[in-house]
Amino acid sequence: LYNSLDIIKSIAYLEGVPQVEAMAVHLANVYRYTTKAETLNSTVQEELANLADYLAIIHVRYPKHFQSRIIVNDKYYNCEMIRLVLQPIVENAVKYAIEPKGGRGIIGVSAFEENKDLVIEIADNGSGMSEEKVMELNGKLMVLSKNAAQETIPHGSLGLANVHARLVLHYGESYGIQVHSFPDRGTIVRVRVPFQRTGS
């Protein structure tokens, strides 16, 4: 796969198609990060770098109207977290907030400290969800928190439930994701992990 993408990149370079060349690079980076199996652990910086590659591909898909902003203080970059948490959540936002509007939308990523935890927010300005839908979704996530070890998550699935279950299993019941949404205004997904720097 990497060899094929490298060939595509080389052809794009020779043919003078920089957009295709850049997309091949971003896609190779995403695949490389996704398939890297040596360790479960990663850092916020690595998660954000993978996310930037993914978002670059979405910008090619929706070149005129899609916007993304990653505004995370670099003091959080060496904070530990498990791999492949942020990209699946952003992919979910693209599916439900950006695609229905033909790419007209914004996805923003930010982070802050709260009670010795690190909270990362992924926000979009899509159609949002009703209060009932949000309560139902968060209720399912709470049930999953209590029974994460017993629940069966399809192998290879990286939906919100899978991400939440992985966070709970790794960090405990007080961690995971929580969804906030506002009809016609957008959705915010909060990821909570312990604020622990690498090597500490």
Protein backbone atom coordinates (compact mmCIF):
# COMPACT_ATOMS: atom_id res chain seq x y z
CA LEU A 1 0.00 0.00 0.00
CA TYR A 2 2.75 2.46 0.95
CA ASN A 3 4.70 1.62 -2.20
CA SER A 4 1.58 2.27 -4.30
CA LEU A 5 0.97 5.60 -2.61
CA ASP A 6 4.63 6.50 -3.10
CA ILE A 7 4.29 5.74 -6.82
CA ILE A 8 1.15 7.91 -7.01
CA LYS A 9 3.04 10.71 -5.22
CA SER A 10 5.97 10.41 -7.64
CA ILE A 11 3.73 10.44 -10.72
CA ALA A 12 1.84 13.45 -9.37
CA TYR A 13 5.15 15.25 -8.81
CA LEU A 14 6.38 14.48 -12.31
CA GLU A 15 3.07 15.44 -13.88
CA GLY A 16 2.88 18.66 -11.88
CA VAL A 17 -0.25 17.83 -9.86
CA PRO A 18 0.67 19.03 -6.33
CA GLN A 19 -2.79 18.42 -4.88
CA VAL A 20 -2.65 14.71 -5.72
CA GLU A 21 0.94 14.55 -4.48
CA ALA A 22 -0.04 16.09 -1.14
CA MET A 23 -3.09 13.87 -0.78
CA ALA A 24 -0.98 10.74 -1.33
CA VAL A 25 1.37 11.90 1.43
CA HIS A 26 -1.48 12.63 3.87
CA LEU A 27 -3.19 9.31 3.13
CA ALA A 28 0.06 7.39 3.62
CA ASN A 29 0.57 9.14 6.97
CA VAL A 30 -2.95 8.25 8.12
CA TYR A 31 -2.54 4.61 7.12
CA ARG A 32 0.88 4.41 8.74
CA TYR A 33 -0.45 5.78 12.04
CA THR A 34 -3.56 3.60 11.93
CA THR A 35 -1.67 0.38 11.30
CA LYS A 36 1.18 1.04 13.71
CA ALA A 37 0.71 -1.76 16.20
CA GLU A 38 3.80 -1.63 18.41
CA THR A 39 2.04 0.20 21.23
CA LEU A 40 -1.43 1.25 22.33
CA ASN A 41 -0.11 4.49 23.79
CA SER A 42 0.41 7.72 21.93
CA THR A 43 0.60 11.42 22.72
CA VAL A 44 -1.70 14.35 22.09
CA GLN A 45 0.83 15.67 19.59
CA GLU A 46 0.79 12.42 17.60
CA GLU A 47 -3.00 12.26 17.71
CA LEU A 48 -3.24 15.84 16.44
CA ALA A 49 -0.69 15.20 13.69
CA ASN A 50 -2.73 12.24 12.47
CA LEU A 51 -5.87 14.35 12.68
CA ALA A 52 -4.25 17.11 10.61
CA ASP A 53 -3.43 14.59 7.87
CA TYR A 54 -7.02 13.33 7.90
CA LEU A 55 -8.46 16.85 7.78
CA ALA A 56 -6.17 17.75 4.88
CA ILE A 57 -7.87 15.00 2.88
CA ILE A 58 -11.32 16.35 3.80
CA HIS A 59 -10.20 19.81 2.63
CA VAL A 60 -9.38 18.30 -0.77
CA ARG A 61 -12.81 16.71 -0.84
CA TYR A 62 -14.54 19.98 0.04
CA PRO A 63 -12.09 22.66 -1.14
CA LYS A 64 -14.38 25.69 -1.15
CA HIS A 65 -16.44 25.70 2.01
CA PHE A 66 -15.03 23.28 4.59
CA GLN A 67 -13.02 24.80 7.44
CA SER A 68 -11.09 23.17 10.28
CA ARG A 69 -9.25 24.63 13.24
CA ILE A 70 -6.97 22.83 15.67
CA ILE A 71 -6.28 25.19 18.56
CA VAL A 72 -4.48 23.20 21.26
CA ASN A 73 -1.80 24.69 23.49
CA ASP A 74 1.52 22.94 22.94
CA LYS A 75 1.85 22.41 26.71
CA TYR A 76 -0.55 19.50 26.20
CA TYR A 77 1.40 17.92 23.33
CA ASN A 78 3.34 15.43 25.46
CA CYS A 79 0.27 14.33 27.41
CA GLU A 80 -0.27 10.58 27.11
CA MET A 81 -3.39 9.14 25.53
CA ILE A 82 -4.30 5.97 23.71
CA ARG A 83 -4.09 5.87 19.94
CA LEU A 84 -6.87 6.56 17.44
CA VAL A 85 -9.25 8.51 19.64
CA LEU A 86 -9.59 11.86 17.90
CA GLN A 87 -9.70 10.91 14.21
CA PRO A 88 -12.74 8.58 14.51
CA ILE A 89 -14.66 11.30 16.36
CA VAL A 90 -13.82 13.87 13.70
CA GLU A 91 -14.73 11.37 11.00
CA ASN A 92 -18.12 11.00 12.72
CA ALA A 93 -18.51 14.80 12.64
CA VAL A 94 -17.69 14.85 8.94
CA LYS A 95 -20.30 12.17 8.27
CA TYR A 96 -23.13 13.76 10.23
CA ALA A 97 -22.35 17.49 10.18
CA ILE A 98 -20.29 18.23 7.06
CA GLU A 99 -21.45 15.74 4.41
CA PRO A 100 -25.20 16.57 4.71
CA LYS A 101 -24.36 20.22 4.00
CA GLY A 102 -22.17 19.47 1.01
CA GLY A 103 -19.01 20.43 2.87
CA ARG A 104 -20.30 23.73 4.21
CA GLY A 105 -19.20 23.59 7.80
CA ILE A 106 -16.52 23.96 10.43
CA ILE A 107 -14.85 21.46 12.72
CA GLY A 108 -12.80 22.80 15.61
CA VAL A 109 -10.54 21.02 18.09
CA SER A 110 -9.47 22.54 21.41
CA ALA A 111 -8.26 21.38 24.82
CA PHE A 112 -8.20 22.45 28.45
CA GLU A 113 -7.39 21.13 31.93
CA GLU A 114 -10.16 20.25 34.37
CA ASN A 115 -9.74 18.60 37.78
CA LYS A 116 -6.36 17.07 36.89
CA ASP A 117 -7.78 15.72 33.66
CA LEU A 118 -7.26 16.77 30.07
CA VAL A 119 -10.43 17.48 28.12
CA ILE A 120 -10.28 17.64 24.33
CA GLU A 121 -13.31 19.08 22.54
CA ILE A 122 -14.31 18.34 18.97
CA ALA A 123 -16.98 20.81 17.86
CA ASP A 124 -18.92 21.21 14.63
CA ASN A 125 -21.58 23.63 13.41
CA GLY A 126 -23.84 21.00 11.87
CA SER A 127 -27.55 20.45 12.40
CA GLY A 128 -27.08 19.17 15.94
CA MET A 129 -29.35 16.79 17.79
CA SER A 130 -32.44 17.09 19.93
CA GLU A 131 -32.14 16.99 23.72
CA GLU A 132 -33.86 13.61 23.71
CA LYS A 133 -31.37 12.19 21.22
CA VAL A 134 -28.41 13.51 23.21
CA MET A 135 -29.80 12.04 26.45
CA GLU A 136 -30.31 8.70 24.73
CA LEU A 137 -26.77 8.69 23.32
CA ASN A 138 -25.11 9.70 26.59
CA GLY A 139 -27.26 7.14 28.41
CA LYS A 140 -25.92 4.39 26.16
CA LEU A 141 -22.38 5.59 26.78
CA MET A 142 -22.98 5.50 30.55
CA VAL A 143 -24.25 1.93 30.33
CA LEU A 144 -21.20 1.07 28.28
CA SER A 145 -19.00 2.60 31.00
CA LYS A 146 -20.46 0.20 33.56
CA ASN A 147 -20.19 -2.83 31.31
CA ALA A 148 -17.29 -2.05 28.98
CA ALA A 149 -15.51 -5.31 29.72
CA GLN A 150 -18.62 -7.36 28.95
CA GLU A 151 -19.94 -5.43 25.95
CA THR A 152 -19.11 -6.78 22.50
CA ILE A 153 -17.73 -4.13 20.17
CA PRO A 154 -17.27 -5.24 16.56
CA HIS A 155 -13.57 -5.74 15.81
CA GLY A 156 -12.21 -2.90 13.73
CA SER A 157 -15.13 -0.60 14.56
CA LEU A 158 -14.07 2.93 15.45
CA GLY A 159 -17.40 4.58 16.14
CA LEU A 160 -18.15 6.69 19.20
CA ALA A 161 -19.11 3.61 21.25
CA ASN A 162 -15.84 1.89 20.39
CA VAL A 163 -13.75 4.94 21.26
CA HIS A 164 -15.62 5.38 24.55
CA ALA A 165 -15.23 1.71 25.48
CA ARG A 166 -11.50 1.78 24.78
CA LEU A 167 -11.06 4.89 26.95
CA VAL A 168 -13.07 3.40 29.81
CA LEU A 169 -11.22 0.08 29.68
CA HIS A 170 -7.86 1.84 29.67
CA TYR A 171 -8.46 4.67 32.15
CA GLY A 172 -11.55 3.74 34.19
CA GLU A 173 -15.24 4.65 34.38
CA SER A 174 -14.72 8.36 35.00
CA TYR A 175 -13.09 8.76 31.57
CA GLY A 176 -14.37 8.51 28.03
CA ILE A 177 -16.51 10.74 25.86
CA GLN A 178 -19.60 12.84 26.44
CA VAL A 179 -21.80 14.45 23.82
CA HIS A 180 -23.39 17.90 23.94
CA SER A 181 -25.53 19.14 21.08
CA PHE A 182 -27.78 22.03 20.16
CA PRO A 183 -30.41 21.78 17.40
CA ASP A 184 -29.45 23.83 14.34
CA ARG A 185 -26.22 24.96 16.03
CA GLY A 186 -23.92 21.97 16.21
CA THR A 187 -22.43 19.26 18.38
CA ILE A 188 -19.53 19.05 20.83
CA VAL A 189 -17.88 15.76 21.76
CA ARG A 190 -15.70 15.92 24.87
CA VAL A 191 -12.89 13.44 25.37
CA ARG A 192 -11.64 13.11 28.95
CA VAL A 193 -8.30 11.47 29.75
CA PRO A 194 -5.95 11.76 32.74
CA PHE A 195 -3.57 14.72 32.44
CA GLN A 196 -0.34 12.74 32.51
CA ARG A 197 2.76 13.78 30.63
CA THR A 198 5.02 11.21 29.04
CA GLY A 199 7.80 10.11 31.33
CA SER A 200 6.07 11.36 34.46
